[in-house]
N, C-alpha and C. Protein backbone atom coordinates (compact mmCIF):
# COMPACT_ATOMS: atom_id res chain seq x y z
N UNK A 1 -3.84 22.29 8.97
CA UNK A 1 -4.87 21.50 8.45
C UNK A 1 -4.16 20.15 8.08
N UNK A 2 -4.79 19.02 8.29
CA UNK A 2 -4.19 17.90 8.11
C UNK A 2 -4.74 17.33 6.64
N UNK A 3 -3.80 16.62 5.99
CA UNK A 3 -4.09 16.00 4.72
C UNK A 3 -3.91 14.50 4.77
N UNK A 4 -4.87 13.77 4.25
CA UNK A 4 -4.86 12.41 4.33
C UNK A 4 -4.60 11.87 2.85
N UNK A 5 -3.67 11.04 2.71
CA UNK A 5 -3.40 10.51 1.36
C UNK A 5 -3.24 9.03 1.55
N UNK A 6 -3.41 8.33 0.37
CA UNK A 6 -3.12 6.77 0.49
C UNK A 6 -1.95 6.48 -0.36
N UNK A 7 -1.39 5.31 -0.09
CA UNK A 7 -0.36 4.69 -0.87
C UNK A 7 -0.41 3.16 -0.76
N UNK A 8 0.20 2.55 -1.75
CA UNK A 8 0.16 1.23 -1.66
C UNK A 8 1.14 0.67 -0.51
N UNK A 9 0.60 -0.15 0.39
CA UNK A 9 1.50 -0.64 1.43
C UNK A 9 1.99 -2.08 0.94
N UNK A 10 3.26 -1.90 0.56
CA UNK A 10 3.96 -3.06 -0.19
C UNK A 10 4.08 -4.32 0.58
N UNK A 11 4.34 -4.20 1.99
CA UNK A 11 4.51 -5.33 2.88
C UNK A 11 3.12 -5.99 3.12
N UNK A 12 2.03 -5.23 3.21
CA UNK A 12 0.85 -5.77 3.43
C UNK A 12 0.20 -6.44 2.25
N UNK A 13 0.55 -5.76 1.11
CA UNK A 13 0.17 -6.27 -0.22
C UNK A 13 0.93 -7.72 -0.49
N UNK A 14 2.24 -7.82 -0.05
CA UNK A 14 2.83 -9.02 -0.24
C UNK A 14 2.36 -10.09 0.62
N UNK A 15 1.94 -9.85 1.82
CA UNK A 15 1.27 -10.78 2.71
C UNK A 15 -0.03 -11.25 2.27
N UNK A 16 -0.70 -10.27 1.68
CA UNK A 16 -2.02 -10.60 1.08
C UNK A 16 -1.80 -11.57 -0.10
N UNK A 17 -0.87 -11.30 -0.93
CA UNK A 17 -0.63 -12.17 -2.13
C UNK A 17 -0.16 -13.55 -1.65
N UNK A 18 0.57 -13.59 -0.64
CA UNK A 18 1.12 -14.80 -0.09
C UNK A 18 -0.03 -15.64 0.43
N UNK A 19 -0.89 -15.08 1.30
CA UNK A 19 -1.99 -15.73 1.74
C UNK A 19 -3.12 -16.19 0.67
N UNK A 20 -3.24 -15.43 -0.33
CA UNK A 20 -4.18 -15.69 -1.31
C UNK A 20 -3.72 -16.93 -2.25
N UNK A 21 -2.39 -16.92 -2.43
CA UNK A 21 -1.70 -18.14 -3.14
C UNK A 21 -1.92 -19.34 -2.33
N UNK A 22 -1.64 -19.34 -1.04
CA UNK A 22 -1.67 -20.40 -0.20
C UNK A 22 -3.30 -21.01 -0.21
N UNK A 23 -4.07 -20.15 -0.07
CA UNK A 23 -5.45 -20.46 0.08
C UNK A 23 -6.04 -20.96 -1.20
N UNK A 24 -5.47 -20.52 -2.38
CA UNK A 24 -5.97 -21.03 -3.63
C UNK A 24 -5.39 -22.46 -3.90
N UNK A 25 -4.34 -22.86 -3.18
CA UNK A 25 -3.80 -24.22 -3.42
C UNK A 25 -2.68 -24.20 -4.36
N UNK A 26 -2.31 -23.13 -4.94
CA UNK A 26 -1.13 -23.06 -5.88
C UNK A 26 0.17 -22.99 -4.91
N UNK A 27 1.27 -23.33 -5.51
CA UNK A 27 2.51 -23.19 -5.08
C UNK A 27 3.21 -22.14 -5.68
N UNK A 28 4.27 -21.51 -5.15
CA UNK A 28 5.27 -20.59 -5.77
C UNK A 28 5.56 -21.07 -7.27
N UNK A 29 5.90 -22.31 -7.31
CA UNK A 29 6.33 -22.82 -8.56
C UNK A 29 5.19 -22.88 -9.61
N UNK A 30 4.02 -23.17 -9.15
CA UNK A 30 2.78 -23.13 -10.09
C UNK A 30 2.59 -21.70 -10.65
N UNK A 31 2.52 -20.71 -9.74
CA UNK A 31 2.58 -19.35 -10.09
C UNK A 31 3.61 -18.77 -11.03
N UNK A 32 4.82 -19.24 -10.86
CA UNK A 32 5.96 -18.97 -11.66
C UNK A 32 5.75 -19.48 -13.11
N UNK A 33 5.21 -20.77 -13.09
CA UNK A 33 4.95 -21.46 -14.49
C UNK A 33 3.81 -20.74 -15.12
N UNK A 34 2.78 -20.47 -14.43
CA UNK A 34 1.43 -19.75 -14.92
C UNK A 34 1.79 -18.46 -15.51
N UNK A 35 2.69 -17.67 -14.85
CA UNK A 35 2.91 -16.18 -15.21
C UNK A 35 4.19 -16.31 -16.21
N UNK A 36 4.68 -17.34 -16.45
CA UNK A 36 5.86 -17.41 -17.32
C UNK A 36 7.15 -16.61 -16.82
N UNK A 37 7.34 -16.80 -15.49
CA UNK A 37 8.41 -16.03 -14.93
C UNK A 37 9.74 -16.89 -14.91
N UNK A 38 10.80 -16.43 -15.02
CA UNK A 38 11.97 -17.17 -15.11
C UNK A 38 12.44 -17.79 -13.73
N UNK A 39 12.29 -17.00 -12.75
CA UNK A 39 12.65 -17.31 -11.48
C UNK A 39 11.62 -17.19 -10.44
N UNK A 40 11.53 -18.03 -9.35
CA UNK A 40 10.55 -18.06 -8.27
C UNK A 40 10.83 -16.81 -7.32
N UNK A 41 12.22 -16.38 -7.29
CA UNK A 41 12.61 -15.26 -6.34
C UNK A 41 11.58 -14.04 -6.59
N UNK A 42 11.22 -13.93 -7.86
CA UNK A 42 10.30 -12.69 -8.18
C UNK A 42 9.08 -12.75 -7.21
N UNK A 43 8.56 -13.89 -7.21
CA UNK A 43 7.37 -14.13 -6.44
C UNK A 43 7.59 -14.05 -4.87
N UNK A 44 8.83 -14.48 -4.46
CA UNK A 44 9.08 -14.39 -3.13
C UNK A 44 9.28 -12.90 -2.69
N UNK A 45 9.83 -12.16 -3.62
CA UNK A 45 10.02 -10.75 -3.34
C UNK A 45 8.66 -9.95 -3.19
N UNK A 46 7.68 -10.43 -4.12
CA UNK A 46 6.41 -9.82 -3.85
C UNK A 46 5.82 -10.22 -2.54
N UNK A 47 5.97 -11.57 -2.07
CA UNK A 47 5.41 -11.98 -0.83
C UNK A 47 6.09 -11.43 0.43
N UNK A 48 7.39 -11.11 0.21
CA UNK A 48 8.19 -10.43 1.42
C UNK A 48 8.03 -8.90 1.33
N UNK A 49 7.32 -8.31 0.39
CA UNK A 49 7.09 -6.87 0.47
C UNK A 49 8.28 -6.17 -0.10
N UNK A 50 9.13 -6.85 -0.87
CA UNK A 50 10.45 -6.35 -1.27
C UNK A 50 10.14 -5.55 -2.65
N UNK A 51 9.23 -6.02 -3.42
CA UNK A 51 8.83 -5.47 -4.68
C UNK A 51 7.29 -5.72 -4.90
N UNK A 52 6.73 -5.10 -5.83
CA UNK A 52 5.38 -5.25 -6.22
C UNK A 52 5.34 -5.83 -7.66
N UNK A 53 4.23 -6.56 -7.79
CA UNK A 53 4.16 -7.06 -9.42
C UNK A 53 3.74 -5.92 -10.20
N UNK A 54 4.26 -6.10 -11.52
CA UNK A 54 3.84 -5.17 -12.55
C UNK A 54 2.33 -5.25 -12.80
N UNK A 55 1.85 -4.33 -13.66
CA UNK A 55 0.42 -4.36 -13.89
C UNK A 55 -0.02 -5.81 -14.58
N UNK A 56 0.79 -6.19 -15.49
CA UNK A 56 0.44 -7.33 -16.22
C UNK A 56 0.33 -8.59 -15.30
N UNK A 57 1.30 -8.72 -14.41
CA UNK A 57 1.37 -9.74 -13.41
C UNK A 57 0.25 -9.62 -12.29
N UNK A 58 -0.10 -8.39 -11.92
CA UNK A 58 -1.19 -8.06 -11.17
C UNK A 58 -2.46 -8.46 -11.72
N UNK A 59 -2.65 -8.38 -13.01
CA UNK A 59 -3.87 -8.62 -13.68
C UNK A 59 -3.94 -10.18 -13.70
N UNK A 60 -2.85 -10.84 -14.12
CA UNK A 60 -2.82 -12.19 -14.29
C UNK A 60 -3.07 -12.99 -12.90
N UNK A 61 -2.45 -12.43 -11.90
CA UNK A 61 -2.67 -12.92 -10.43
C UNK A 61 -4.17 -12.79 -10.12
N UNK A 62 -4.66 -11.73 -10.36
CA UNK A 62 -6.09 -11.47 -10.10
C UNK A 62 -7.06 -12.57 -10.62
N UNK A 63 -6.73 -12.83 -11.89
CA UNK A 63 -7.53 -13.87 -12.64
C UNK A 63 -7.28 -15.30 -12.14
N UNK A 64 -5.97 -15.54 -11.84
CA UNK A 64 -5.63 -16.83 -11.27
C UNK A 64 -6.27 -17.06 -9.92
N UNK A 65 -6.21 -16.08 -9.07
CA UNK A 65 -6.74 -16.22 -7.68
C UNK A 65 -8.16 -15.74 -7.52
N UNK A 66 -8.71 -15.38 -8.73
CA UNK A 66 -10.25 -15.05 -8.72
C UNK A 66 -10.62 -13.98 -7.73
N UNK A 67 -9.79 -12.87 -7.85
CA UNK A 67 -10.00 -11.67 -6.98
C UNK A 67 -9.64 -10.41 -7.94
N UNK A 68 -10.29 -9.37 -7.65
CA UNK A 68 -9.91 -8.10 -8.23
C UNK A 68 -8.62 -7.65 -8.05
N UNK A 69 -8.11 -6.73 -8.82
CA UNK A 69 -6.64 -6.21 -8.53
C UNK A 69 -6.76 -5.43 -7.18
N UNK A 70 -7.71 -4.67 -7.08
CA UNK A 70 -8.06 -4.03 -5.74
C UNK A 70 -8.01 -4.91 -4.51
N UNK A 71 -8.43 -6.10 -4.78
CA UNK A 71 -8.42 -7.09 -3.66
C UNK A 71 -7.03 -7.61 -3.36
N UNK A 72 -6.23 -7.50 -4.20
CA UNK A 72 -4.79 -7.95 -3.95
C UNK A 72 -3.87 -6.78 -3.28
N UNK A 73 -4.21 -5.61 -3.72
CA UNK A 73 -3.49 -4.45 -3.22
C UNK A 73 -3.97 -3.94 -1.89
N UNK A 74 -3.19 -3.68 -1.02
CA UNK A 74 -3.40 -3.16 0.38
C UNK A 74 -2.86 -1.80 0.44
N UNK A 75 -3.64 -0.89 1.10
CA UNK A 75 -3.28 0.51 1.16
C UNK A 75 -2.99 0.92 2.48
N UNK A 76 -2.29 1.98 2.77
CA UNK A 76 -2.16 2.66 4.11
C UNK A 76 -2.38 4.12 3.87
N UNK A 77 -2.89 4.64 4.99
CA UNK A 77 -3.30 6.04 4.99
C UNK A 77 -2.14 6.79 5.64
N UNK A 78 -1.75 7.92 4.99
CA UNK A 78 -0.83 8.88 5.64
C UNK A 78 -1.35 10.13 5.95
N UNK A 79 -1.34 10.63 7.15
CA UNK A 79 -1.85 11.91 7.70
C UNK A 79 -0.74 12.69 7.87
N UNK A 80 -0.79 13.93 7.02
CA UNK A 80 0.47 14.87 7.23
C UNK A 80 -0.23 16.23 7.59
N UNK A 81 0.56 16.94 8.29
CA UNK A 81 0.00 18.28 8.71
C UNK A 81 0.75 19.35 7.85
N UNK A 82 -0.02 20.28 7.40
CA UNK A 82 0.53 21.43 6.57
C UNK A 82 1.10 22.36 7.58
N UNK A 83 2.51 22.44 7.52
CA UNK A 83 3.33 23.30 8.39
C UNK A 83 2.91 24.75 8.32
N UNK A 84 2.67 25.25 7.19
CA UNK A 84 2.33 26.67 6.98
C UNK A 84 1.03 26.87 7.72
N UNK A 85 0.01 26.04 7.53
CA UNK A 85 -1.31 26.19 8.28
C UNK A 85 -1.00 26.10 9.82
N UNK A 86 -0.21 25.15 10.30
CA UNK A 86 0.08 25.07 11.78
C UNK A 86 0.67 26.38 12.17
N UNK A 87 1.56 26.91 11.46
CA UNK A 87 2.14 28.26 11.88
C UNK A 87 1.21 29.37 11.98
N UNK A 88 0.31 29.29 10.97
CA UNK A 88 -0.73 30.38 10.90
C UNK A 88 -1.68 30.13 12.05
N UNK A 89 -2.06 28.98 12.34
CA UNK A 89 -3.00 28.63 13.42
C UNK A 89 -2.37 29.20 14.86
N UNK A 90 -1.09 28.88 14.84
CA UNK A 90 -0.42 29.28 16.12
C UNK A 90 -0.34 30.89 16.15
N UNK A 91 -0.12 31.62 15.15
CA UNK A 91 -0.03 33.05 15.00
C UNK A 91 -1.41 33.51 15.45
N UNK A 92 -2.45 32.92 14.89
CA UNK A 92 -3.89 33.32 15.21
C UNK A 92 -4.16 33.10 16.67
N UNK A 93 -3.80 31.94 17.26
CA UNK A 93 -4.05 31.56 18.59
C UNK A 93 -3.32 32.62 19.61
N UNK A 94 -2.04 32.93 19.25
CA UNK A 94 -1.42 33.92 20.11
C UNK A 94 -2.01 35.26 19.94
N UNK A 95 -2.52 35.70 18.80
CA UNK A 95 -3.11 37.02 18.63
C UNK A 95 -4.39 37.14 19.63
N UNK A 96 -5.12 36.05 19.52
CA UNK A 96 -6.32 36.00 20.38
C UNK A 96 -5.97 35.99 21.80
N UNK A 97 -4.88 35.17 22.36
CA UNK A 97 -4.54 35.14 23.63
C UNK A 97 -4.07 36.53 24.11
N UNK A 98 -3.26 37.20 23.34
CA UNK A 98 -2.68 38.41 23.62
C UNK A 98 -3.86 39.48 23.68
N UNK A 99 -4.78 39.42 22.79
CA UNK A 99 -5.86 40.27 22.82
C UNK A 99 -6.58 40.38 24.10
N UNK A 100 -6.92 39.02 24.54
CA UNK A 100 -7.69 38.86 25.67
C UNK A 100 -7.00 39.23 27.01
N UNK A 101 -5.67 39.19 26.99
CA UNK A 101 -4.99 39.47 28.10
C UNK A 101 -4.79 40.93 28.31
N UNK A 102 -4.74 41.83 27.25
CA UNK A 102 -4.40 43.16 27.28
C UNK A 102 -5.58 44.03 27.91
């Protein structure tokens, strides 16, 4: 049986933040000053998918860029197979095949 989970796609989130900052007309320096960050590298790390903003900065960014926090964050879906279930399915299949052959 397959399990589908979601997680934050850090690279896509960074691209999204980068595009939204650009579209808003802000510069990295503007965002740095408005968020009270010491170094612009923090923002570049977000944009390059190397790190994610903490909650306070996500909240502030969402207000500055006029978008929800959910609008900033991008997700990816992960499909994983339950190995125990696959093994049981294979046993059941083999049982049925052997039963019909005999």
